[in-house]
Amino acid sequence: MTHDHDLVLRPTAAQTAAALNPPPGRIGGDLVVETLRGLGATTVFGLPGQHALGMFDALRRSDLAYVGLRVENNAGFAADAYGRVTGEAAPLLLSTGPGALTALPALQEAAAASAPVLAVSAQVPARGLGGGRHGHLHELRDQQASFRDVVKSVHCARTASQIPSAIAAAWQSALTPPHGPVFVEIPQDVLAAPTSLPVVTAPDATPPDLPPRPELTALAAHLLTTAERPAVIAGGGVVRSDASGKLRALAERLDAPVVTTFGGKGAFPWEHPLSLQSWLEDRHMTDFLEDADVLLVVGSGLGELSSNYHTFRPRGRVIQIEADLGKLESNHPALGIHADARLALSALLETVGERSDASARDRVREVLAAVRSRLDSQQLTLEQGLLAAIRQALPSASPSFWDMTVLGYWAWSAFDARRPGAMHSAQGAGGLGYAYPAALGAAVADRTRPVLAVSGDGGALYSIAELATARQHDLPVTWLIVDDGGYGILRAYMTEEYGEPMGTELAGPDFAALAESFGVPATRTTPEALREDLARALSSKGPSVVVLGARPRMFAPTHLADR
């Protein structure tokens, strides 16, 4: 009896000849580059460093496109965005010690957002490993330990022959639901040593599917079909699994209102009559969701931002579909279905019955009207006008990337992304400096459309060096910098909590002049001229900067009384 796993592909005569006569001059770094190429990579991000020069020498001989940024953390953010918008694993080449460690915040964001990033780092020479204090440059006692609690999986290669398998295993891990960042470590001498191994061709690293258990989807379908007031929370897992069409079909069959989390923006049409949009930080929405007798949560762990800062307390039955096993029932008891969102929604569509609820659309209109009424009472015309101007200026096909800034916080709730995967922020880990390098990564993935980045002046200073990257690669990214003279959101938090701010006021540069010193065209704008100036910048070729002097305010929170 022959089993599938017993079948071995025989090499062709040409493959045998190539294996017997590998090209001269190859080193361990070539095995890294060849493996990435064989797995399907076309672009790599990173920075060279002394211990990683073997990888970069091999990169010089390959047809992989290389995008070098100025800071490792920014290179990680660019790789994160490339992975988000393409769904492919994004290689990130790093050097040992300080170089690799500087990328940790970006890898934390990639982990929180389930972005597939494959970080390949050099290490000190193999003789220096094992925790000894040999005094090698960039030496750490255990470099892997620094990454193990951040990334999805850690892999190492200590010899040349281990490199292809280690990278292929990491690639598969990065793309297995839930997606996430992975880390591969290879010593400097292994990367630099000559190799006579055959050229790596096409390693098999196909990620396995994550289907739902049928008995669970059968029960979930019954609960949804017989519910009186079903509702849906759609998270980032819907976007990552390309399941927005199936989500819409299920919601319409059930007449179930849908709210999207901040990571799930665009998963459901903003103006659909069943759309609750993304107002999760509003008590009216929290009350609405708590009142659902059956709540379907797809691709969300119902964390702090998706639960109105953990004040959400569902009274009905919760069904949670989640690819990350650790997030199932981590915040609320539920019928937990460990599965990819697309496969689980497909299974539900096969069995769920059709229900009609004429009141559902009326209830959606009522709760959105209550949200608008609350906002209207706070005199926030500047902030709503700025978001409207940005939406009008940004082409529908263009993605936007938002920093942890006042307008970014507004956008989580109030910005219409127009399509799945078109709006991204660092709301997973919450670090500053994400927007601009991430936008550069998205532009590398698709240069045919402009990309928007939105930062405050504080966050902009984290990534200002990447104006050189944008200019060098002529990337079509427009950077809107909202200059309010400090860390605006922290200023607001401290004033509200403690009466006055401390450490939030910043001296800053003339951002427009600074951008122009990099050869990047810049425009100073006002709230009244923002739409026209931003649209003009987005329609121009190459990088551009628009600087807006304004001090937007946040809308009043609704969770503090409950806390």
Protein backbone atom coordinates (compact mmCIF):
# COMPACT_ATOMS: atom_id res chain seq x y z
CA MET A 1 0.00 0.00 0.00
CA THR A 2 1.42 3.41 -1.02
CA HIS A 3 0.79 6.50 1.08
CA ASP A 4 0.98 10.05 -0.22
CA HIS A 5 3.79 10.83 2.17
CA ASP A 6 5.83 7.99 0.70
CA LEU A 7 5.89 9.63 -2.75
CA VAL A 8 9.17 11.31 -3.64
CA LEU A 9 9.64 13.51 -6.69
CA ARG A 10 12.52 12.31 -8.81
CA PRO A 11 14.93 15.01 -9.98
CA THR A 12 15.12 15.72 -13.66
CA ALA A 13 18.36 15.30 -15.56
CA ALA A 14 18.78 19.08 -15.63
CA GLN A 15 18.24 19.31 -11.85
CA THR A 16 20.79 16.56 -11.27
CA ALA A 17 23.34 18.32 -13.48
CA ALA A 18 22.77 21.62 -11.67
CA ALA A 19 23.15 19.94 -8.29
CA LEU A 20 26.46 18.37 -9.34
CA ASN A 21 27.79 21.67 -10.68
CA PRO A 22 26.66 24.55 -8.44
CA PRO A 23 27.81 28.05 -9.45
CA PRO A 24 31.16 29.10 -8.00
CA GLY A 25 31.57 31.88 -5.47
CA ARG A 26 28.49 31.13 -3.39
CA ILE A 27 28.41 31.51 0.41
CA GLY A 28 25.93 30.80 3.20
CA GLY A 29 24.14 34.06 2.49
CA ASP A 30 23.28 32.74 -0.96
CA LEU A 31 21.34 29.90 0.66
CA VAL A 32 19.25 32.50 2.53
CA VAL A 33 18.50 34.48 -0.60
CA GLU A 34 17.86 31.40 -2.76
CA THR A 35 15.47 29.97 -0.19
CA LEU A 36 13.52 33.21 0.04
CA ARG A 37 13.36 33.38 -3.76
CA GLY A 38 12.22 29.75 -3.98
CA LEU A 39 9.48 30.39 -1.44
CA GLY A 40 8.10 33.18 -3.61
CA ALA A 41 9.59 36.33 -2.12
CA THR A 42 10.20 39.17 -4.56
CA THR A 43 11.11 42.02 -2.17
CA VAL A 44 13.13 42.25 1.04
CA PHE A 45 13.46 45.05 3.60
CA GLY A 46 16.24 45.73 6.06
CA LEU A 47 19.58 47.32 6.90
CA PRO A 48 23.07 45.91 6.46
CA GLY A 49 25.37 45.39 9.42
CA GLN A 50 28.80 43.85 9.94
CA HIS A 51 27.56 40.38 10.86
CA ALA A 52 24.89 40.36 8.12
CA LEU A 53 27.15 41.31 5.21
CA GLY A 54 27.10 37.73 3.89
CA MET A 55 23.35 38.02 3.30
CA PHE A 56 23.72 41.38 1.61
CA ASP A 57 26.55 40.16 -0.62
CA ALA A 58 24.27 37.35 -1.78
CA LEU A 59 21.41 39.81 -2.23
CA ARG A 60 23.61 41.74 -4.66
CA ARG A 61 23.75 38.65 -6.89
CA SER A 62 20.00 37.95 -6.78
CA ASP A 63 16.96 39.40 -8.53
CA LEU A 64 15.20 40.17 -5.24
CA ALA A 65 14.28 43.84 -4.90
CA TYR A 66 15.89 45.40 -1.84
CA VAL A 67 14.36 48.34 0.04
CA GLY A 68 16.72 49.66 2.68
CA LEU A 69 15.37 51.97 5.35
CA ARG A 70 17.34 54.13 7.77
CA VAL A 71 16.29 52.56 11.08
CA GLU A 72 15.63 48.87 11.74
CA ASN A 73 12.35 49.55 13.52
CA ASN A 74 11.11 51.48 10.50
CA ALA A 75 12.23 48.65 8.22
CA GLY A 76 10.10 46.35 10.38
CA PHE A 77 7.09 48.65 10.05
CA ALA A 78 7.56 48.72 6.26
CA ALA A 79 7.73 44.92 6.15
CA ASP A 80 4.62 44.73 8.39
CA ALA A 81 2.62 46.87 5.95
CA TYR A 82 3.90 44.95 2.93
CA GLY A 83 2.72 41.75 4.59
CA ARG A 84 -0.65 43.26 5.48
CA VAL A 85 -1.48 44.55 2.00
CA THR A 86 -0.12 41.58 0.02
CA GLY A 87 -0.86 38.69 2.39
CA GLU A 88 2.68 37.45 1.67
CA ALA A 89 5.49 36.91 4.15
CA ALA A 90 7.74 39.98 4.08
CA PRO A 91 11.46 39.24 4.58
CA LEU A 92 13.29 41.59 6.95
CA LEU A 93 17.12 41.29 6.99
CA LEU A 94 18.79 42.41 10.23
CA SER A 95 22.20 42.40 11.83
CA THR A 96 23.15 41.14 15.28
CA GLY A 97 22.46 42.71 18.66
CA PRO A 98 21.50 46.41 18.42
CA GLY A 99 20.28 46.05 14.83
CA ALA A 100 17.97 43.14 15.59
CA LEU A 101 16.83 44.54 18.95
CA THR A 102 15.88 47.88 17.38
CA ALA A 103 13.29 46.03 15.29
CA LEU A 104 11.50 44.57 18.32
CA PRO A 105 8.73 47.22 18.58
CA ALA A 106 7.85 46.70 14.92
CA LEU A 107 7.74 42.94 15.40
CA GLN A 108 5.49 43.43 18.43
CA GLU A 109 3.08 45.42 16.25
CA ALA A 110 3.23 42.73 13.56
CA ALA A 111 2.40 40.11 16.19
CA ALA A 112 -0.53 42.11 17.54
CA ALA A 113 -1.85 42.74 14.01
CA SER A 114 -1.11 39.23 12.67
CA ALA A 115 1.17 40.60 9.94
CA PRO A 116 3.44 37.98 8.32
CA VAL A 117 7.01 39.26 8.69
CA LEU A 118 10.01 36.94 8.33
CA ALA A 119 12.94 38.47 10.19
CA VAL A 120 16.32 36.92 9.36
CA SER A 121 19.05 38.09 11.69
CA ALA A 122 22.75 37.49 11.79
CA GLN A 123 24.40 36.29 15.00
CA VAL A 124 27.94 36.38 16.38
CA PRO A 125 30.22 33.64 15.01
CA ALA A 126 29.17 30.13 16.02
CA ARG A 127 32.14 29.70 18.34
CA GLY A 128 30.81 32.62 20.40
CA LEU A 129 27.39 31.08 21.06
CA GLY A 130 26.27 29.28 24.19
CA GLY A 131 26.07 32.14 26.66
CA GLY A 132 29.81 32.64 27.11
CA ARG A 133 31.16 36.17 27.48
CA HIS A 134 33.65 36.15 24.58
CA GLY A 135 33.47 39.87 23.88
CA HIS A 136 32.24 39.68 20.29
CA LEU A 137 30.85 42.88 18.83
CA HIS A 138 27.03 43.01 19.34
CA GLU A 139 27.19 39.92 21.60
CA LEU A 140 24.12 38.90 23.62
CA ARG A 141 23.98 35.98 26.02
CA ASP A 142 20.82 34.71 24.33
CA GLN A 143 19.62 36.77 21.37
CA GLN A 144 16.76 34.37 20.65
CA ALA A 145 15.34 34.92 24.13
CA SER A 146 14.86 38.60 23.34
CA PHE A 147 12.50 37.65 20.51
CA ARG A 148 10.78 34.55 21.84
CA ASP A 149 8.06 36.42 23.74
CA VAL A 150 7.40 38.80 20.84
CA VAL A 151 7.30 36.74 17.65
CA LYS A 152 5.22 33.73 16.71
CA SER A 153 8.15 31.33 16.42
CA VAL A 154 11.96 31.35 16.62
CA HIS A 155 14.22 29.32 14.30
CA CYS A 156 17.98 28.94 14.06
CA ALA A 157 20.50 27.55 11.59
CA ARG A 158 23.96 26.64 12.90
CA THR A 159 25.27 25.14 9.66
CA ALA A 160 24.81 25.92 5.99
CA SER A 161 22.71 22.83 5.34
CA GLN A 162 20.24 23.92 8.05
CA ILE A 163 19.50 27.29 6.42
CA PRO A 164 16.90 26.27 3.79
CA SER A 165 14.87 24.17 6.21
CA ALA A 166 14.97 26.78 8.99
CA ILE A 167 13.78 29.55 6.68
CA ALA A 168 11.12 27.34 5.06
CA ALA A 169 9.77 26.39 8.51
CA ALA A 170 9.69 30.05 9.52
CA TRP A 171 7.92 31.01 6.28
CA GLN A 172 5.25 28.37 6.88
CA SER A 173 4.80 29.53 10.47
CA ALA A 174 4.40 33.17 9.41
CA LEU A 175 1.63 32.28 6.95
CA THR A 176 -0.22 29.69 9.02
CA PRO A 177 -3.37 31.22 10.56
CA PRO A 178 -3.09 33.34 12.54
CA HIS A 179 -0.38 35.08 10.53
CA GLY A 180 2.45 36.67 12.45
CA PRO A 181 6.13 37.60 12.60
CA VAL A 182 8.85 34.97 12.93
CA PHE A 183 12.57 35.16 13.68
CA VAL A 184 15.47 33.24 12.13
CA GLU A 185 19.02 33.47 13.49
CA ILE A 186 22.18 32.52 11.57
CA PRO A 187 25.79 33.06 12.77
CA GLN A 188 28.05 35.44 10.88
CA ASP A 189 30.62 32.80 9.93
CA VAL A 190 27.93 30.48 8.54
CA LEU A 191 26.59 33.30 6.36
CA ALA A 192 30.07 34.21 5.10
CA ALA A 193 31.54 30.73 4.59
CA PRO A 194 31.82 29.31 1.04
CA THR A 195 29.30 26.57 0.24
CA SER A 196 29.21 23.84 -2.38
CA LEU A 197 25.60 22.90 -1.64
CA PRO A 198 23.27 22.86 -4.65
CA VAL A 199 21.26 25.96 -5.45
CA VAL A 200 18.02 25.99 -3.43
CA THR A 201 15.05 25.71 -5.80
CA ALA A 202 11.49 25.51 -4.48
CA PRO A 203 11.11 24.36 -0.87
CA ASP A 204 7.59 23.31 0.14
CA ALA A 205 6.28 25.52 2.91
CA THR A 206 2.56 25.55 2.14
CA PRO A 207 0.70 26.58 5.32
CA PRO A 208 -2.07 24.24 6.48
CA ASP A 209 -5.71 25.31 6.46
CA LEU A 210 -7.57 25.90 9.72
CA PRO A 211 -11.14 24.66 9.14
CA PRO A 212 -13.84 24.79 11.83
CA ARG A 213 -15.17 21.72 13.58
CA PRO A 214 -18.54 20.91 11.96
CA GLU A 215 -20.39 20.23 15.21
CA LEU A 216 -19.51 23.73 16.39
CA THR A 217 -20.65 25.50 13.22
CA ALA A 218 -23.86 23.44 13.27
CA LEU A 219 -24.64 24.70 16.78
CA ALA A 220 -23.63 28.25 15.87
CA ALA A 221 -25.89 28.19 12.81
CA HIS A 222 -28.82 27.05 14.94
CA LEU A 223 -28.24 29.79 17.52
CA LEU A 224 -28.03 32.49 14.86
CA THR A 225 -31.06 31.27 12.92
CA THR A 226 -33.26 31.22 16.02
CA ALA A 227 -31.94 34.45 17.55
CA GLU A 228 -34.26 37.40 18.15
CA ARG A 229 -31.62 40.15 18.12
CA PRO A 230 -28.40 38.83 16.56
CA ALA A 231 -25.44 41.15 15.99
CA VAL A 232 -21.95 40.75 14.60
CA ILE A 233 -18.55 42.15 15.60
CA ALA A 234 -16.14 41.81 12.67
CA GLY A 235 -12.44 42.03 13.46
CA GLY A 236 -9.18 42.04 11.58
CA GLY A 237 -9.39 38.29 10.98
CA VAL A 238 -12.17 38.94 8.46
CA VAL A 239 -9.91 41.27 6.48
CA ARG A 240 -6.83 39.03 6.66
CA SER A 241 -8.74 35.98 5.43
CA ASP A 242 -10.46 37.91 2.63
CA ALA A 243 -13.86 37.03 4.07
CA SER A 244 -15.71 40.34 3.80
CA GLY A 245 -17.98 39.06 1.01
CA LYS A 246 -19.01 36.07 3.08
CA LEU A 247 -19.55 38.28 6.12
CA ARG A 248 -21.90 40.49 4.15
CA ALA A 249 -23.81 37.50 2.78
CA LEU A 250 -24.27 36.08 6.29
CA ALA A 251 -25.34 39.42 7.80
CA GLU A 252 -27.93 39.96 5.07
CA ARG A 253 -29.30 36.45 5.43
CA LEU A 254 -29.69 36.96 9.18
CA ASP A 255 -30.68 40.63 9.09
CA ALA A 256 -27.92 41.07 11.66
CA PRO A 257 -26.29 44.49 12.30
CA VAL A 258 -22.48 44.51 11.97
CA VAL A 259 -19.87 46.67 13.70
CA THR A 260 -16.23 46.48 12.67
CA THR A 261 -13.32 46.72 15.07
CA PHE A 262 -10.52 49.19 14.43
CA GLY A 263 -8.44 46.37 12.96
CA GLY A 264 -11.38 45.23 10.85
CA LYS A 265 -12.06 48.54 9.12
CA GLY A 266 -13.60 47.98 5.70
CA ALA A 267 -14.73 44.44 6.45
CA PHE A 268 -18.36 45.57 6.06
CA PRO A 269 -19.66 48.41 3.84
CA TRP A 270 -19.77 51.64 5.85
CA GLU A 271 -23.08 52.87 4.40
CA HIS A 272 -24.86 49.50 4.37
CA PRO A 273 -28.24 49.70 6.18
CA LEU A 274 -27.01 47.02 8.61
CA SER A 275 -23.69 48.78 9.26
CA LEU A 276 -22.99 50.03 12.77
CA GLN A 277 -19.72 51.38 11.37
CA SER A 278 -16.89 51.35 13.96
CA TRP A 279 -18.19 53.28 16.96
CA LEU A 280 -16.94 50.81 19.56
CA GLU A 281 -15.76 53.58 21.89
CA ASP A 282 -19.32 54.86 22.34
CA ARG A 283 -21.58 53.75 25.17
CA HIS A 284 -24.63 53.75 22.86
CA MET A 285 -22.90 51.09 20.75
CA THR A 286 -21.80 49.15 23.82
CA ASP A 287 -25.38 49.05 25.05
CA PHE A 288 -26.61 47.93 21.63
CA LEU A 289 -24.17 45.02 21.51
CA GLU A 290 -24.85 44.02 25.11
CA ASP A 291 -28.54 43.74 24.22
CA ALA A 292 -27.92 41.17 21.44
CA ASP A 293 -29.26 37.77 22.43
CA VAL A 294 -26.70 36.10 20.12
CA LEU A 295 -23.47 37.92 19.33
CA LEU A 296 -21.21 36.57 16.59
CA VAL A 297 -17.59 37.73 16.99
CA VAL A 298 -15.45 36.97 13.93
CA GLY A 299 -11.70 37.46 13.92
CA SER A 300 -11.45 39.47 17.13
CA GLY A 301 -10.31 38.71 20.66
CA LEU A 302 -12.55 41.48 22.09
CA GLY A 303 -9.55 43.19 23.61
CA GLU A 304 -9.36 46.60 25.25
CA LEU A 305 -10.15 48.76 22.21
CA SER A 306 -12.82 46.42 20.86
CA SER A 307 -14.70 46.28 24.16
CA ASN A 308 -14.85 49.99 25.05
CA TYR A 309 -11.93 49.48 27.41
CA HIS A 310 -13.31 46.27 28.90
CA THR A 311 -16.62 47.85 29.94
CA PHE A 312 -18.54 45.69 27.44
CA ARG A 313 -20.44 42.92 29.23
CA PRO A 314 -22.56 40.81 26.85
CA ARG A 315 -25.80 39.46 28.26
CA GLY A 316 -26.59 37.07 25.43
CA ARG A 317 -24.85 34.04 23.95
CA VAL A 318 -21.46 34.78 22.36
CA ILE A 319 -20.11 32.84 19.39
CA GLN A 320 -16.42 33.56 18.79
CA ILE A 321 -14.58 32.57 15.61
CA GLU A 322 -10.84 33.10 16.05
CA ALA A 323 -7.70 31.68 14.40
CA ASP A 324 -5.55 32.50 17.44
CA LEU A 325 -6.29 29.74 19.91
CA GLY A 326 -5.09 31.79 22.88
CA LYS A 327 -7.76 34.44 22.22
CA LEU A 328 -10.73 32.05 22.32
CA GLU A 329 -12.82 32.94 25.39
CA SER A 330 -9.90 35.00 26.73
CA ASN A 331 -12.27 37.85 27.67
CA HIS A 332 -15.80 36.39 27.62
CA PRO A 333 -17.34 32.91 27.84
CA ALA A 334 -18.35 31.83 24.35
CA LEU A 335 -18.98 29.04 21.93
CA GLY A 336 -15.38 29.17 20.71
CA ILE A 337 -14.64 28.07 17.16
CA HIS A 338 -10.93 27.79 16.44
CA ALA A 339 -10.83 28.45 12.71
CA ASP A 340 -9.89 30.75 9.88
CA ALA A 341 -12.65 33.36 9.48
CA ARG A 342 -13.27 32.65 5.80
CA LEU A 343 -13.62 28.89 6.27
CA ALA A 344 -15.87 29.32 9.30
CA LEU A 345 -18.14 31.85 7.59
CA SER A 346 -18.36 29.54 4.56
CA ALA A 347 -19.47 26.71 6.82
CA LEU A 348 -22.09 28.90 8.48
CA LEU A 349 -23.47 30.02 5.12
CA GLU A 350 -24.02 26.38 4.19
CA THR A 351 -26.25 25.70 7.19
CA VAL A 352 -27.66 28.92 8.64
CA GLY A 353 -31.30 29.63 7.99
CA GLU A 354 -32.74 32.86 6.66
CA ARG A 355 -34.43 35.22 9.08
CA SER A 356 -36.21 38.49 8.51
CA ASP A 357 -36.20 41.36 10.97
CA ALA A 358 -37.70 44.61 9.72
CA SER A 359 -36.66 46.37 12.93
CA ALA A 360 -32.94 45.69 12.53
CA ARG A 361 -32.30 48.56 10.13
CA ASP A 362 -34.37 50.92 12.29
CA ARG A 363 -32.32 50.00 15.36
CA VAL A 364 -29.10 50.64 13.42
CA ARG A 365 -30.31 54.09 12.39
CA GLU A 366 -31.32 54.87 15.97
CA VAL A 367 -27.98 53.97 17.54
CA LEU A 368 -25.97 55.85 14.90
CA ALA A 369 -28.22 58.88 15.40
CA ALA A 370 -27.55 58.70 19.15
CA VAL A 371 -23.79 58.57 18.48
CA ARG A 372 -24.02 61.59 16.18
CA SER A 373 -26.09 63.50 18.72
CA ARG A 374 -23.47 62.91 21.40
CA LEU A 375 -20.70 64.15 19.10
CA ASP A 376 -22.71 67.18 18.00
CA SER A 377 -23.07 68.26 21.61
CA GLN A 378 -19.26 68.51 22.01
CA GLN A 379 -18.49 71.17 19.37
CA LEU A 380 -16.09 69.01 17.37
CA THR A 381 -16.60 70.58 13.97
CA LEU A 382 -12.84 71.05 13.39
CA GLU A 383 -12.08 67.37 13.94
CA GLN A 384 -15.00 66.08 11.88
CA GLY A 385 -14.14 68.55 9.14
CA LEU A 386 -10.52 67.36 9.01
CA LEU A 387 -11.57 63.72 8.65
CA ALA A 388 -14.07 64.63 5.96
CA ALA A 389 -11.41 66.58 4.05
CA ILE A 390 -8.99 63.65 4.22
CA ARG A 391 -11.65 61.22 3.02
CA GLN A 392 -12.61 63.49 0.12
CA ALA A 393 -8.98 63.98 -0.94
CA LEU A 394 -7.94 60.32 -0.70
CA PRO A 395 -8.72 58.18 -3.78
CA SER A 396 -10.97 55.22 -2.96
CA ALA A 397 -8.34 52.71 -4.10
CA SER A 398 -5.60 54.21 -1.91
CA PRO A 399 -4.66 52.76 1.48
CA SER A 400 -4.02 54.97 4.49
CA PHE A 401 -1.75 54.46 7.49
CA TRP A 402 -2.32 56.28 10.76
CA ASP A 403 -0.01 56.91 13.68
CA MET A 404 -1.01 56.95 17.33
CA THR A 405 -2.21 60.54 17.11
CA VAL A 406 -5.45 62.39 17.83
CA LEU A 407 -6.69 62.18 14.24
CA GLY A 408 -5.70 58.51 14.14
CA TYR A 409 -7.83 57.83 17.22
CA TRP A 410 -10.69 59.64 15.53
CA ALA A 411 -10.21 57.61 12.37
CA TRP A 412 -10.58 54.32 14.25
CA SER A 413 -14.19 55.18 14.94
CA ALA A 414 -15.18 57.73 12.30
CA PHE A 415 -13.23 57.11 9.08
CA ASP A 416 -14.78 55.19 6.18
CA ALA A 417 -12.02 52.90 4.87
CA ARG A 418 -14.13 52.23 1.73
CA ARG A 419 -12.75 48.72 1.23
CA PRO A 420 -11.20 45.87 3.25
CA GLY A 421 -7.57 46.36 4.18
CA ALA A 422 -7.48 50.01 3.15
CA MET A 423 -6.88 51.51 6.60
CA HIS A 424 -4.12 50.49 8.99
CA SER A 425 -2.72 51.79 12.24
CA ALA A 426 -0.45 50.68 15.07
CA GLN A 427 -3.42 50.06 17.38
CA GLY A 428 -2.23 46.49 18.00
CA ALA A 429 0.85 47.35 20.07
CA GLY A 430 0.38 51.12 20.17
CA GLY A 431 3.90 52.30 19.37
CA LEU A 432 4.70 55.66 17.81
CA GLY A 433 6.25 56.15 14.39
CA TYR A 434 4.33 53.48 12.48
CA ALA A 435 2.45 55.43 9.83
CA TYR A 436 5.14 56.74 7.50
CA PRO A 437 7.45 53.70 7.19
CA ALA A 438 4.38 51.46 6.93
CA ALA A 439 3.04 53.61 4.10
CA LEU A 440 6.39 53.24 2.35
CA GLY A 441 6.10 49.45 2.62
CA ALA A 442 2.60 49.57 1.12
CA ALA A 443 3.86 51.74 -1.73
CA VAL A 444 6.61 49.23 -2.47
CA ALA A 445 3.90 46.58 -2.80
CA ASP A 446 1.92 48.65 -5.30
CA ARG A 447 3.43 51.75 -6.89
CA THR A 448 0.41 52.40 -9.14
CA ARG A 449 -1.63 54.24 -6.48
CA PRO A 450 -0.80 56.94 -3.95
CA VAL A 451 -0.57 56.02 -0.28
CA LEU A 452 -1.40 58.30 2.65
CA ALA A 453 0.37 58.46 6.00
CA VAL A 454 -1.03 60.55 8.89
CA SER A 455 1.16 61.44 11.89
CA GLY A 456 1.36 63.97 14.65
CA ASP A 457 4.53 65.97 15.07
CA GLY A 458 5.70 63.74 17.93
CA GLY A 459 5.23 60.53 15.96
CA ALA A 460 6.70 62.08 12.83
CA LEU A 461 10.04 62.61 14.56
CA TYR A 462 10.30 58.85 15.12
CA SER A 463 10.43 58.24 11.36
CA ILE A 464 11.62 61.50 9.84
CA ALA A 465 14.80 59.86 8.51
CA GLU A 466 12.67 57.80 6.12
CA LEU A 467 12.12 60.87 3.96
CA ALA A 468 15.47 59.81 2.53
CA THR A 469 14.08 56.35 1.77
CA ALA A 470 11.01 57.81 0.10
CA ARG A 471 13.17 60.07 -2.06
CA GLN A 472 15.72 57.39 -2.91
CA HIS A 473 13.06 54.93 -4.08
CA ASP A 474 10.69 57.62 -5.41
CA LEU A 475 7.75 56.13 -3.53
CA PRO A 476 4.25 57.63 -4.04
CA VAL A 477 3.54 58.40 -0.38
CA THR A 478 1.97 61.63 0.86
CA TRP A 479 2.71 62.32 4.52
CA LEU A 480 0.19 64.48 6.38
CA ILE A 481 1.83 65.80 9.55
CA VAL A 482 -0.55 67.39 12.04
CA ASP A 483 1.67 69.70 14.09
CA ASP A 484 0.11 70.54 17.45
CA GLY A 485 3.38 71.20 19.26
CA GLY A 486 3.57 68.01 21.28
CA TYR A 487 2.14 64.61 22.10
CA GLY A 488 -1.46 65.73 21.68
CA ILE A 489 -3.24 62.59 22.84
CA LEU A 490 -1.02 62.28 25.94
CA ARG A 491 -1.55 65.98 26.65
CA ALA A 492 -5.30 65.35 26.64
CA TYR A 493 -5.03 62.22 28.80
CA MET A 494 -2.86 63.89 31.43
CA THR A 495 -4.99 67.02 31.55
CA GLU A 496 -8.13 64.94 32.04
CA GLU A 497 -6.60 62.61 34.62
CA TYR A 498 -4.21 64.89 36.53
CA GLY A 499 -5.26 68.46 35.73
CA GLU A 500 -2.25 69.47 33.68
CA PRO A 501 0.25 67.78 31.34
CA MET A 502 3.91 66.99 31.90
CA GLY A 503 6.51 66.01 29.31
CA THR A 504 4.11 66.39 26.40
CA GLU A 505 5.22 69.74 24.92
CA LEU A 506 7.80 69.49 22.16
CA ALA A 507 10.12 71.81 20.31
CA GLY A 508 10.02 70.78 16.68
CA PRO A 509 11.48 71.58 13.29
CA ASP A 510 9.95 73.34 10.35
CA PHE A 511 8.65 70.12 8.85
CA ALA A 512 8.05 71.60 5.42
CA ALA A 513 11.59 72.99 5.17
CA LEU A 514 13.01 69.74 6.53
CA ALA A 515 11.14 67.69 3.93
CA GLU A 516 12.36 69.96 1.16
CA SER A 517 15.93 69.50 2.37
CA PHE A 518 15.48 65.82 1.52
CA GLY A 519 14.22 66.79 -1.92
CA VAL A 520 10.60 66.00 -0.99
CA PRO A 521 8.04 68.67 -2.01
CA ALA A 522 6.14 70.09 0.97
CA THR A 523 3.04 72.22 1.48
CA ARG A 524 1.89 74.13 4.56
CA THR A 525 -1.89 74.02 4.81
CA THR A 526 -4.83 75.09 6.97
CA PRO A 527 -8.01 73.25 7.95
CA GLU A 528 -9.91 75.19 5.31
CA ALA A 529 -7.43 74.35 2.53
CA LEU A 530 -6.63 70.79 3.62
CA ARG A 531 -8.84 68.95 1.13
CA GLU A 532 -7.49 70.81 -1.89
CA ASP A 533 -3.83 70.75 -0.78
CA LEU A 534 -3.94 67.08 0.18
CA ALA A 535 -5.64 66.07 -3.06
CA ARG A 536 -2.99 67.95 -5.04
CA ALA A 537 -0.18 66.24 -3.15
CA LEU A 538 -1.74 62.79 -3.58
CA SER A 539 -2.08 63.35 -7.32
CA SER A 540 1.58 64.30 -7.73
CA LYS A 541 4.26 61.75 -8.58
CA GLY A 542 6.68 60.55 -5.95
CA PRO A 543 6.77 61.47 -2.25
CA SER A 544 5.25 64.62 -0.76
CA VAL A 545 4.56 66.17 2.62
CA VAL A 546 1.62 68.28 3.80
CA VAL A 547 1.98 70.06 7.15
CA LEU A 548 -1.16 71.12 9.01
CA GLY A 549 -0.87 73.34 12.06
CA ALA A 550 -3.88 72.44 14.25
CA ARG A 551 -4.78 71.18 17.73
CA PRO A 552 -7.64 68.70 17.28
CA ARG A 553 -9.42 67.36 20.37
CA MET A 554 -10.70 63.90 21.12
CA PHE A 555 -14.39 63.23 21.65
CA ALA A 556 -15.33 62.58 25.25
CA PRO A 557 -14.86 58.98 26.39
CA THR A 558 -17.85 57.00 27.61
CA HIS A 559 -16.10 54.23 29.55
CA LEU A 560 -14.69 56.18 32.50
CA ALA A 561 -17.91 56.17 34.53
CA ASP A 562 -18.10 52.37 34.31
CA ARG A 563 -14.46 52.10 35.38
